[in-house]
C-alpha atoms as a PDB file:
ATOM      1  CA  UNK A   1       0.000   0.000   0.000  1.00  0.00           C
ATOM      2  CA  UNK A   2       1.035   3.600  -0.549  1.00  0.00           C
ATOM      3  CA  UNK A   3       0.961   4.206   3.199  1.00  0.00           C
ATOM      4  CA  UNK A   4       3.779   1.686   3.714  1.00  0.00           C
ATOM      5  CA  UNK A   5       7.377   2.859   4.015  1.00  0.00           C
ATOM      6  CA  UNK A   6       8.260  -0.016   1.679  1.00  0.00           C
ATOM      7  CA  UNK A   7       5.866   1.014  -1.100  1.00  0.00           C
ATOM      8  CA  UNK A   8       8.289   2.978  -3.257  1.00  0.00           C
ATOM      9  CA  UNK A   9      11.089   0.407  -2.991  1.00  0.00           C
ATOM     10  CA  UNK A  10       8.692  -2.434  -3.767  1.00  0.00           C
ATOM     11  CA  UNK A  11       7.432  -0.666  -6.876  1.00  0.00           C
ATOM     12  CA  UNK A  12      10.989   0.143  -8.011  1.00  0.00           C
ATOM     13  CA  UNK A  13      11.828  -3.534  -7.691  1.00  0.00           C
ATOM     14  CA  UNK A  14       8.698  -4.396  -9.640  1.00  0.00           C
ATOM     15  CA  UNK A  15       9.965  -2.150 -12.436  1.00  0.00           C
ATOM     16  CA  UNK A  16      13.336  -3.894 -12.295  1.00  0.00           C
ATOM     17  CA  UNK A  17      11.613  -7.279 -12.526  1.00  0.00           C
ATOM     18  CA  UNK A  18       9.675  -6.186 -15.613  1.00  0.00           C
ATOM     19  CA  UNK A  19      12.900  -4.882 -17.167  1.00  0.00           C
ATOM     20  CA  UNK A  20      14.614  -8.206 -16.469  1.00  0.00           C
ATOM     21  CA  UNK A  21      11.806  -9.916 -18.404  1.00  0.00           C
ATOM     22  CA  UNK A  22      12.238  -7.465 -21.305  1.00  0.00           C
ATOM     23  CA  UNK A  23       8.830  -5.964 -20.582  1.00  0.00           C
ATOM     24  CA  UNK A  24       9.863  -2.320 -20.803  1.00  0.00           C
ATOM     25  CA  UNK A  25       6.308  -1.051 -21.302  1.00  0.00           C
ATOM     26  CA  UNK A  26       5.236  -2.447 -17.935  1.00  0.00           C
ATOM     27  CA  UNK A  27       8.389  -1.118 -16.290  1.00  0.00           C
ATOM     28  CA  UNK A  28       7.673   2.344 -17.677  1.00  0.00           C
ATOM     29  CA  UNK A  29       4.072   2.171 -16.520  1.00  0.00           C
ATOM     30  CA  UNK A  30       5.202   1.436 -12.959  1.00  0.00           C
ATOM     31  CA  UNK A  31       7.820   4.186 -13.007  1.00  0.00           C
ATOM     32  CA  UNK A  32       5.486   6.776 -14.494  1.00  0.00           C
ATOM     33  CA  UNK A  33       2.939   5.970 -11.802  1.00  0.00           C
ATOM     34  CA  UNK A  34       5.646   6.325  -9.135  1.00  0.00           C
ATOM     35  CA  UNK A  35       6.755   9.669 -10.582  1.00  0.00           C
ATOM     36  CA  UNK A  36       3.207  10.949 -10.094  1.00  0.00           C
ATOM     37  CA  UNK A  37       2.973   9.531  -6.571  1.00  0.00           C
ATOM     38  CA  UNK A  38       6.394  10.858  -5.543  1.00  0.00           C
ATOM     39  CA  UNK A  39       6.856  13.946  -7.769  1.00  0.00           C
ATOM     40  CA  UNK A  40       9.739  15.326  -5.691  1.00  0.00           C
ATOM     41  CA  UNK A  41      11.752  12.108  -5.551  1.00  0.00           C
ATOM     42  CA  UNK A  42      14.829  12.423  -7.744  1.00  0.00           C
ATOM     43  CA  UNK A  43      15.695   8.717  -7.512  1.00  0.00           C
ATOM     44  CA  UNK A  44      12.404   7.733  -9.142  1.00  0.00           C
ATOM     45  CA  UNK A  45      12.969  10.283 -11.906  1.00  0.00           C
ATOM     46  CA  UNK A  46      16.467   8.926 -12.580  1.00  0.00           C
ATOM     47  CA  UNK A  47      15.128   5.394 -12.898  1.00  0.00           C
ATOM     48  CA  UNK A  48      12.387   6.646 -15.227  1.00  0.00           C
ATOM     49  CA  UNK A  49      14.940   8.553 -17.314  1.00  0.00           C
ATOM     50  CA  UNK A  50      17.264   5.529 -17.528  1.00  0.00           C
ATOM     51  CA  UNK A  51      14.410   3.315 -18.707  1.00  0.00           C
ATOM     52  CA  UNK A  52      13.266   5.842 -21.304  1.00  0.00           C
ATOM     53  CA  UNK A  53      16.860   6.123 -22.541  1.00  0.00           C
ATOM     54  CA  UNK A  54      17.159   2.342 -22.818  1.00  0.00           C
ATOM     55  CA  UNK A  55      14.035   2.419 -24.982  1.00  0.00           C
ATOM     56  CA  UNK A  56      15.589   5.159 -27.155  1.00  0.00           C
ATOM     57  CA  UNK A  57      12.905   7.667 -26.195  1.00  0.00           C
ATOM     58  CA  UNK A  58      15.503  10.409 -26.126  1.00  0.00           C
ATOM     59  CA  UNK A  59      13.362  13.511 -25.669  1.00  0.00           C
ATOM     60  CA  UNK A  60      11.319  12.049 -22.821  1.00  0.00           C
ATOM     61  CA  UNK A  61      14.497  10.762 -21.189  1.00  0.00           C
ATOM     62  CA  UNK A  62      16.094  14.221 -21.352  1.00  0.00           C
ATOM     63  CA  UNK A  63      13.026  15.777 -19.731  1.00  0.00           C
ATOM     64  CA  UNK A  64      13.106  13.208 -16.912  1.00  0.00           C
ATOM     65  CA  UNK A  65      16.850  13.711 -16.360  1.00  0.00           C
ATOM     66  CA  UNK A  66      16.379  17.487 -16.239  1.00  0.00           C
ATOM     67  CA  UNK A  67      13.644  17.072 -13.630  1.00  0.00           C
ATOM     68  CA  UNK A  68      15.856  14.674 -11.650  1.00  0.00           C
ATOM     69  CA  UNK A  69      18.698  17.214 -11.599  1.00  0.00           C
ATOM     70  CA  UNK A  70      16.231  19.811 -10.337  1.00  0.00           C
ATOM     71  CA  UNK A  71      14.897  17.586  -7.547  1.00  0.00           C
ATOM     72  CA  UNK A  72      18.268  16.154  -6.471  1.00  0.00           C
ATOM     73  CA  UNK A  73      19.926  19.561  -6.293  1.00  0.00           C
ATOM     74  CA  UNK A  74      23.557  19.531  -5.202  1.00  0.00           C
ATOM     75  CA  UNK A  75      23.697  15.749  -5.010  1.00  0.00           C
ATOM     76  CA  UNK A  76      23.149  15.529  -8.771  1.00  0.00           C
ATOM     77  CA  UNK A  77      25.991  17.913  -9.549  1.00  0.00           C
ATOM     78  CA  UNK A  78      28.405  15.572  -7.763  1.00  0.00           C
ATOM     79  CA  UNK A  79      27.298  12.412  -9.588  1.00  0.00           C
ATOM     80  CA  UNK A  80      29.231  11.793 -12.808  1.00  0.00           C
ATOM     81  CA  UNK A  81      26.829   9.025 -13.879  1.00  0.00           C
ATOM     82  CA  UNK A  82      23.922  11.464 -14.190  1.00  0.00           C
ATOM     83  CA  UNK A  83      25.884  13.783 -16.452  1.00  0.00           C
ATOM     84  CA  UNK A  84      27.066  10.793 -18.493  1.00  0.00           C
ATOM     85  CA  UNK A  85      23.651   9.196 -18.986  1.00  0.00           C
ATOM     86  CA  UNK A  86      21.932  12.494 -19.751  1.00  0.00           C
ATOM     87  CA  UNK A  87      24.778  13.283 -22.128  1.00  0.00           C
ATOM     88  CA  UNK A  88      24.087  10.065 -24.036  1.00  0.00           C
ATOM     89  CA  UNK A  89      20.412  10.956 -24.409  1.00  0.00           C
ATOM     90  CA  UNK A  90      21.310  14.472 -25.533  1.00  0.00           C
ATOM     91  CA  UNK A  91      23.873  13.219 -28.058  1.00  0.00           C
ATOM     92  CA  UNK A  92      21.447  10.732 -29.526  1.00  0.00           C
ATOM     93  CA  UNK A  93      18.811  13.484 -29.743  1.00  0.00           C
ATOM     94  CA  UNK A  94      21.366  15.541 -31.729  1.00  0.00           C
ATOM     95  CA  UNK A  95      21.674  18.193 -29.045  1.00  0.00           C
ATOM     96  CA  UNK A  96      25.436  18.156 -29.166  1.00  0.00           C
ATOM     97  CA  UNK A  97      26.304  21.372 -27.315  1.00  0.00           C
ATOM     98  CA  UNK A  98      24.434  20.272 -24.199  1.00  0.00           C
ATOM     99  CA  UNK A  99      25.701  16.698 -24.579  1.00  0.00           C
ATOM    100  CA  UNK A 100      29.334  17.791 -24.797  1.00  0.00           C
ATOM    101  CA  UNK A 101      28.874  19.989 -21.730  1.00  0.00           C
ATOM    102  CA  UNK A 102      27.523  17.010 -19.767  1.00  0.00           C
ATOM    103  CA  UNK A 103      30.336  14.692 -20.878  1.00  0.00           C
ATOM    104  CA  UNK A 104      32.935  17.288 -19.890  1.00  0.00           C
ATOM    105  CA  UNK A 105      31.220  17.721 -16.517  1.00  0.00           C
ATOM    106  CA  UNK A 106      31.256  13.948 -16.001  1.00  0.00           C
ATOM    107  CA  UNK A 107      34.936  13.843 -16.943  1.00  0.00           C
ATOM    108  CA  UNK A 108      35.694  16.664 -14.519  1.00  0.00           C
ATOM    109  CA  UNK A 109      34.104  14.622 -11.710  1.00  0.00           C
ATOM    110  CA  UNK A 110      35.664  11.320 -12.831  1.00  0.00           C
ATOM    111  CA  UNK A 111      38.771  12.183 -14.896  1.00  0.00           C
ATOM    112  CA  UNK A 112      39.787   8.565 -15.582  1.00  0.00           C
ATOM    113  CA  UNK A 113      36.330   7.058 -16.156  1.00  0.00           C
ATOM    114  CA  UNK A 114      36.835   4.876 -19.266  1.00  0.00           C
ATOM    115  CA  UNK A 115      33.240   4.931 -20.516  1.00  0.00           C
ATOM    116  CA  UNK A 116      33.042   8.716 -20.350  1.00  0.00           C
ATOM    117  CA  UNK A 117      36.408   9.068 -22.101  1.00  0.00           C
ATOM    118  CA  UNK A 118      35.327   6.606 -24.766  1.00  0.00           C
ATOM    119  CA  UNK A 119      31.917   8.158 -25.447  1.00  0.00           C
ATOM    120  CA  UNK A 120      33.239  11.713 -25.591  1.00  0.00           C
ATOM    121  CA  UNK A 121      36.243  10.695 -27.682  1.00  0.00           C
ATOM    122  CA  UNK A 122      34.171   8.657 -30.117  1.00  0.00           C
ATOM    123  CA  UNK A 123      31.623  11.453 -30.467  1.00  0.00           C
ATOM    124  CA  UNK A 124      34.383  13.900 -31.301  1.00  0.00           C
ATOM    125  CA  UNK A 125      35.783  11.482 -33.879  1.00  0.00           C
ATOM    126  CA  UNK A 126      32.399  11.053 -35.567  1.00  0.00           C
ATOM    127  CA  UNK A 127      32.111  14.824 -35.901  1.00  0.00           C
ATOM    128  CA  UNK A 128      35.716  15.386 -36.923  1.00  0.00           C
ATOM    129  CA  UNK A 129      36.397  17.443 -33.794  1.00  0.00           C
ATOM    130  CA  UNK A 130      39.393  17.533 -31.437  1.00  0.00           C
ATOM    131  CA  UNK A 131      40.881  14.408 -33.031  1.00  0.00           C
ATOM    132  CA  UNK A 132      44.191  14.436 -31.160  1.00  0.00           C
ATOM    133  CA  UNK A 133      42.461  14.929 -27.818  1.00  0.00           C
ATOM    134  CA  UNK A 134      39.912  12.261 -28.762  1.00  0.00           C
ATOM    135  CA  UNK A 135      42.684   9.771 -29.513  1.00  0.00           C
ATOM    136  CA  UNK A 136      44.347  10.517 -26.179  1.00  0.00           C
ATOM    137  CA  UNK A 137      41.086   9.975 -24.282  1.00  0.00           C
ATOM    138  CA  UNK A 138      40.366   6.711 -26.080  1.00  0.00           C
ATOM    139  CA  UNK A 139      43.902   5.413 -25.569  1.00  0.00           C
ATOM    140  CA  UNK A 140      43.532   6.065 -21.842  1.00  0.00           C
ATOM    141  CA  UNK A 141      40.177   4.249 -21.872  1.00  0.00           C
ATOM    142  CA  UNK A 142      41.720   1.222 -23.657  1.00  0.00           C
ATOM    143  CA  UNK A 143      44.463   1.038 -21.035  1.00  0.00           C
ATOM    144  CA  UNK A 144      41.761   0.511 -18.419  1.00  0.00           C
ATOM    145  CA  UNK A 145      39.423  -1.683 -20.498  1.00  0.00           C
ATOM    146  CA  UNK A 146      41.636  -3.585 -22.967  1.00  0.00           C
ATOM    147  CA  UNK A 147      39.023  -6.307 -23.422  1.00  0.00           C
ATOM    148  CA  UNK A 148      36.057  -4.034 -24.095  1.00  0.00           C
ATOM    149  CA  UNK A 149      35.267  -4.420 -27.786  1.00  0.00           C
ATOM    150  CA  UNK A 150      33.499  -1.088 -28.063  1.00  0.00           C
ATOM    151  CA  UNK A 151      36.407   0.847 -26.606  1.00  0.00           C
ATOM    152  CA  UNK A 152      38.980  -1.043 -28.680  1.00  0.00           C
ATOM    153  CA  UNK A 153      36.835  -0.278 -31.742  1.00  0.00           C
ATOM    154  CA  UNK A 154      36.895   3.415 -30.846  1.00  0.00           C
ATOM    155  CA  UNK A 155      40.706   3.382 -30.863  1.00  0.00           C
ATOM    156  CA  UNK A 156      40.783   1.700 -34.251  1.00  0.00           C
ATOM    157  CA  UNK A 157      38.214   4.148 -35.581  1.00  0.00           C
ATOM    158  CA  UNK A 158      40.037   7.293 -34.462  1.00  0.00           C
ATOM    159  CA  UNK A 159      43.189   5.950 -36.137  1.00  0.00           C
ATOM    160  CA  UNK A 160      41.170   5.261 -39.277  1.00  0.00           C
ATOM    161  CA  UNK A 161      39.545   8.685 -39.323  1.00  0.00           C
ATOM    162  CA  UNK A 162      42.939  10.372 -38.967  1.00  0.00           C
ATOM    163  CA  UNK A 163      44.309   8.507 -41.991  1.00  0.00           C
ATOM    164  CA  UNK A 164      46.262   5.892 -40.041  1.00  0.00           C
ATOM    165  CA  UNK A 165      44.573   3.021 -41.860  1.00  0.00           C
ATOM    166  CA  UNK A 166      47.308   0.408 -41.480  1.00  0.00           C
ATOM    167  CA  UNK A 167      47.615   1.113 -37.749  1.00  0.00           C
ATOM    168  CA  UNK A 168      43.822   0.913 -37.357  1.00  0.00           C
ATOM    169  CA  UNK A 169      43.486  -2.611 -38.769  1.00  0.00           C
ATOM    170  CA  UNK A 170      44.857  -4.669 -35.813  1.00  0.00           C
ATOM    171  CA  UNK A 171      42.738  -2.748 -33.306  1.00  0.00           C
ATOM    172  CA  UNK A 172      39.585  -3.206 -35.393  1.00  0.00           C
ATOM    173  CA  UNK A 173      40.365  -6.905 -35.897  1.00  0.00           C
ATOM    174  CA  UNK A 174      40.654  -7.314 -32.132  1.00  0.00           C
ATOM    175  CA  UNK A 175      37.412  -5.370 -31.620  1.00  0.00           C
ATOM    176  CA  UNK A 176      35.625  -7.815 -33.961  1.00  0.00           C
ATOM    177  CA  UNK A 177      37.090 -10.729 -32.007  1.00  0.00           C
ATOM    178  CA  UNK A 178      35.763  -9.217 -28.784  1.00  0.00           C
ATOM    179  CA  UNK A 179      32.371  -8.226 -30.273  1.00  0.00           C
ATOM    180  CA  UNK A 180      31.842 -10.510 -33.284  1.00  0.00           C
ATOM    181  CA  UNK A 181      28.115  -9.826 -33.515  1.00  0.00           C
ATOM    182  CA  UNK A 182      28.240  -6.028 -33.671  1.00  0.00           C
ATOM    183  CA  UNK A 183      27.307  -4.620 -37.089  1.00  0.00           C
ATOM    184  CA  UNK A 184      29.063  -1.266 -36.623  1.00  0.00           C
ATOM    185  CA  UNK A 185      32.383  -2.810 -35.573  1.00  0.00           C
ATOM    186  CA  UNK A 186      32.334  -5.236 -38.508  1.00  0.00           C
ATOM    187  CA  UNK A 187      31.575  -2.320 -40.829  1.00  0.00           C
ATOM    188  CA  UNK A 188      34.525  -0.362 -39.447  1.00  0.00           C
ATOM    189  CA  UNK A 189      36.867  -3.289 -40.061  1.00  0.00           C
ATOM    190  CA  UNK A 190      35.563  -3.567 -43.616  1.00  0.00           C
ATOM    191  CA  UNK A 191      36.333   0.091 -44.272  1.00  0.00           C
ATOM    192  CA  UNK A 192      39.867  -0.308 -42.910  1.00  0.00           C
ATOM    193  CA  UNK A 193      40.488  -3.411 -45.009  1.00  0.00           C
ATOM    194  CA  UNK A 194      39.354  -1.538 -48.112  1.00  0.00           C
ATOM    195  CA  UNK A 195      41.713   1.344 -47.444  1.00  0.00           C
ATOM    196  CA  UNK A 196      44.758  -0.948 -47.093  1.00  0.00           C
ATOM    197  CA  UNK A 197      43.974  -2.830 -50.303  1.00  0.00           C
ATOM    198  CA  UNK A 198      42.295  -5.903 -48.819  1.00  0.00           C
ATOM    199  CA  UNK A 199      39.108  -5.481 -50.863  1.00  0.00           C
ATOM    200  CA  UNK A 200      37.900  -9.082 -50.776  1.00  0.00           C
ATOM    201  CA  UNK A 201      38.085  -9.128 -46.967  1.00  0.00           C
ATOM    202  CA  UNK A 202      36.380  -5.728 -46.861  1.00  0.00           C
ATOM    203  CA  UNK A 203      33.436  -7.019 -48.880  1.00  0.00           C
ATOM    204  CA  UNK A 204      33.213 -10.040 -46.581  1.00  0.00           C
ATOM    205  CA  UNK A 205      33.036  -7.800 -43.488  1.00  0.00           C
ATOM    206  CA  UNK A 206      30.407  -5.538 -45.037  1.00  0.00           C
ATOM    207  CA  UNK A 207      28.274  -8.550 -45.933  1.00  0.00           C
ATOM    208  CA  UNK A 208      28.652  -9.904 -42.404  1.00  0.00           C
ATOM    209  CA  UNK A 209      27.587  -6.557 -41.003  1.00  0.00           C
ATOM    210  CA  UNK A 210      24.542  -6.447 -43.278  1.00  0.00           C
ATOM    211  CA  UNK A 211      23.461  -9.862 -41.958  1.00  0.00           C
ATOM    212  CA  UNK A 212      23.476  -8.563 -38.363  1.00  0.00           C
ATOM    213  CA  UNK A 213      20.262  -6.534 -38.650  1.00  0.00           C
ATOM    214  CA  UNK A 214      21.927  -3.080 -38.587  1.00  0.00           C
ATOM    215  CA  UNK A 215      19.877   0.081 -38.183  1.00  0.00           C
ATOM    216  CA  UNK A 216      18.366   1.429 -41.436  1.00  0.00           C
ATOM    217  CA  UNK A 217      21.006   4.134 -41.911  1.00  0.00           C
ATOM    218  CA  UNK A 218      23.893   1.701 -41.614  1.00  0.00           C
ATOM    219  CA  UNK A 219      22.090  -0.889 -43.746  1.00  0.00           C
ATOM    220  CA  UNK A 220      21.697   1.637 -46.569  1.00  0.00           C
ATOM    221  CA  UNK A 221      25.359   2.615 -46.296  1.00  0.00           C
ATOM    222  CA  UNK A 222      26.467  -1.025 -46.406  1.00  0.00           C
ATOM    223  CA  UNK A 223      24.337  -1.717 -49.466  1.00  0.00           C
ATOM    224  CA  UNK A 224      25.847   1.311 -51.190  1.00  0.00           C
ATOM    225  CA  UNK A 225      29.400   0.221 -50.411  1.00  0.00           C
ATOM    226  CA  UNK A 226      28.735  -3.303 -51.667  1.00  0.00           C
ATOM    227  CA  UNK A 227      27.161  -1.886 -54.816  1.00  0.00           C
ATOM    228  CA  UNK A 228      29.648   0.906 -55.559  1.00  0.00           C
ATOM    229  CA  UNK A 229      32.792  -0.726 -54.233  1.00  0.00           C
ATOM    230  CA  UNK A 230      34.091   2.229 -52.255  1.00  0.00           C
ATOM    231  CA  UNK A 231      34.233   3.498 -48.715  1.00  0.00           C
ATOM    232  CA  UNK A 232      32.627   6.866 -47.921  1.00  0.00           C
ATOM    233  CA  UNK A 233      34.593  10.057 -47.619  1.00  0.00           C
ATOM    234  CA  UNK A 234      35.186  11.578 -44.190  1.00  0.00           C
ATOM    235  CA  UNK A 235      31.923  12.881 -42.759  1.00  0.00           C
ATOM    236  CA  UNK A 236      29.684  10.459 -44.678  1.00  0.00           C
ATOM    237  CA  UNK A 237      29.728   7.722 -42.031  1.00  0.00           C
ATOM    238  CA  UNK A 238      26.686   6.928 -39.977  1.00  0.00           C
ATOM    239  CA  UNK A 239      26.868   7.198 -36.190  1.00  0.00           C
ATOM    240  CA  UNK A 240      28.579   4.346 -34.465  1.00  0.00           C
ATOM    241  CA  UNK A 241      28.576   2.456 -31.178  1.00  0.00           C
ATOM    242  CA  UNK A 242      29.766   5.211 -28.835  1.00  0.00           C
END
């Protein structure tokens, strides 16, 4: 009952149970109900925002994060994870200035956090910004997470995007070994193979990527590369794993 001191925690755990069963709609229903019952509780709003972000409902997630920051006050400004997760939602919603500000705030609070360094560095690379600084951040992230396929992919990709194609190949090959089922990473390796003259292997990687149910933008790009036999120029690439 709502008069019990255990009510909010029980409902939060109910939402977690729904999430564990891949029933995000039910989880959201519980969390939205809780947000109405406890409108000033920042913890509930964070959980709601995280769930909306996981469902790629970027705008609603941003609104919930903003409300959580407002309710949590000073506690929120000392939590790097809140800046990081809101930054992801903002970046995916193409609100880059706010996203970058959040990532930098997260990095200021946690200067050696590998996931923040990787996401910020990769985002810079995708936009052709601060490439040297991006490479430094990603290299530091790889030192801490050498077996994380996404982070290893980011290192290979920044080398690729700065014209270091030969140097990129071994990192992207290792990323594919670590994350063999990721369409973006396989696509990146294909591009690197093409640039170093290994066209047959490039075509193989692009075909593999296309079989992995990529998002529509990447699927269209893969089909074009297989049809035209060329990699895109800098700036034509679709967004990657982050």
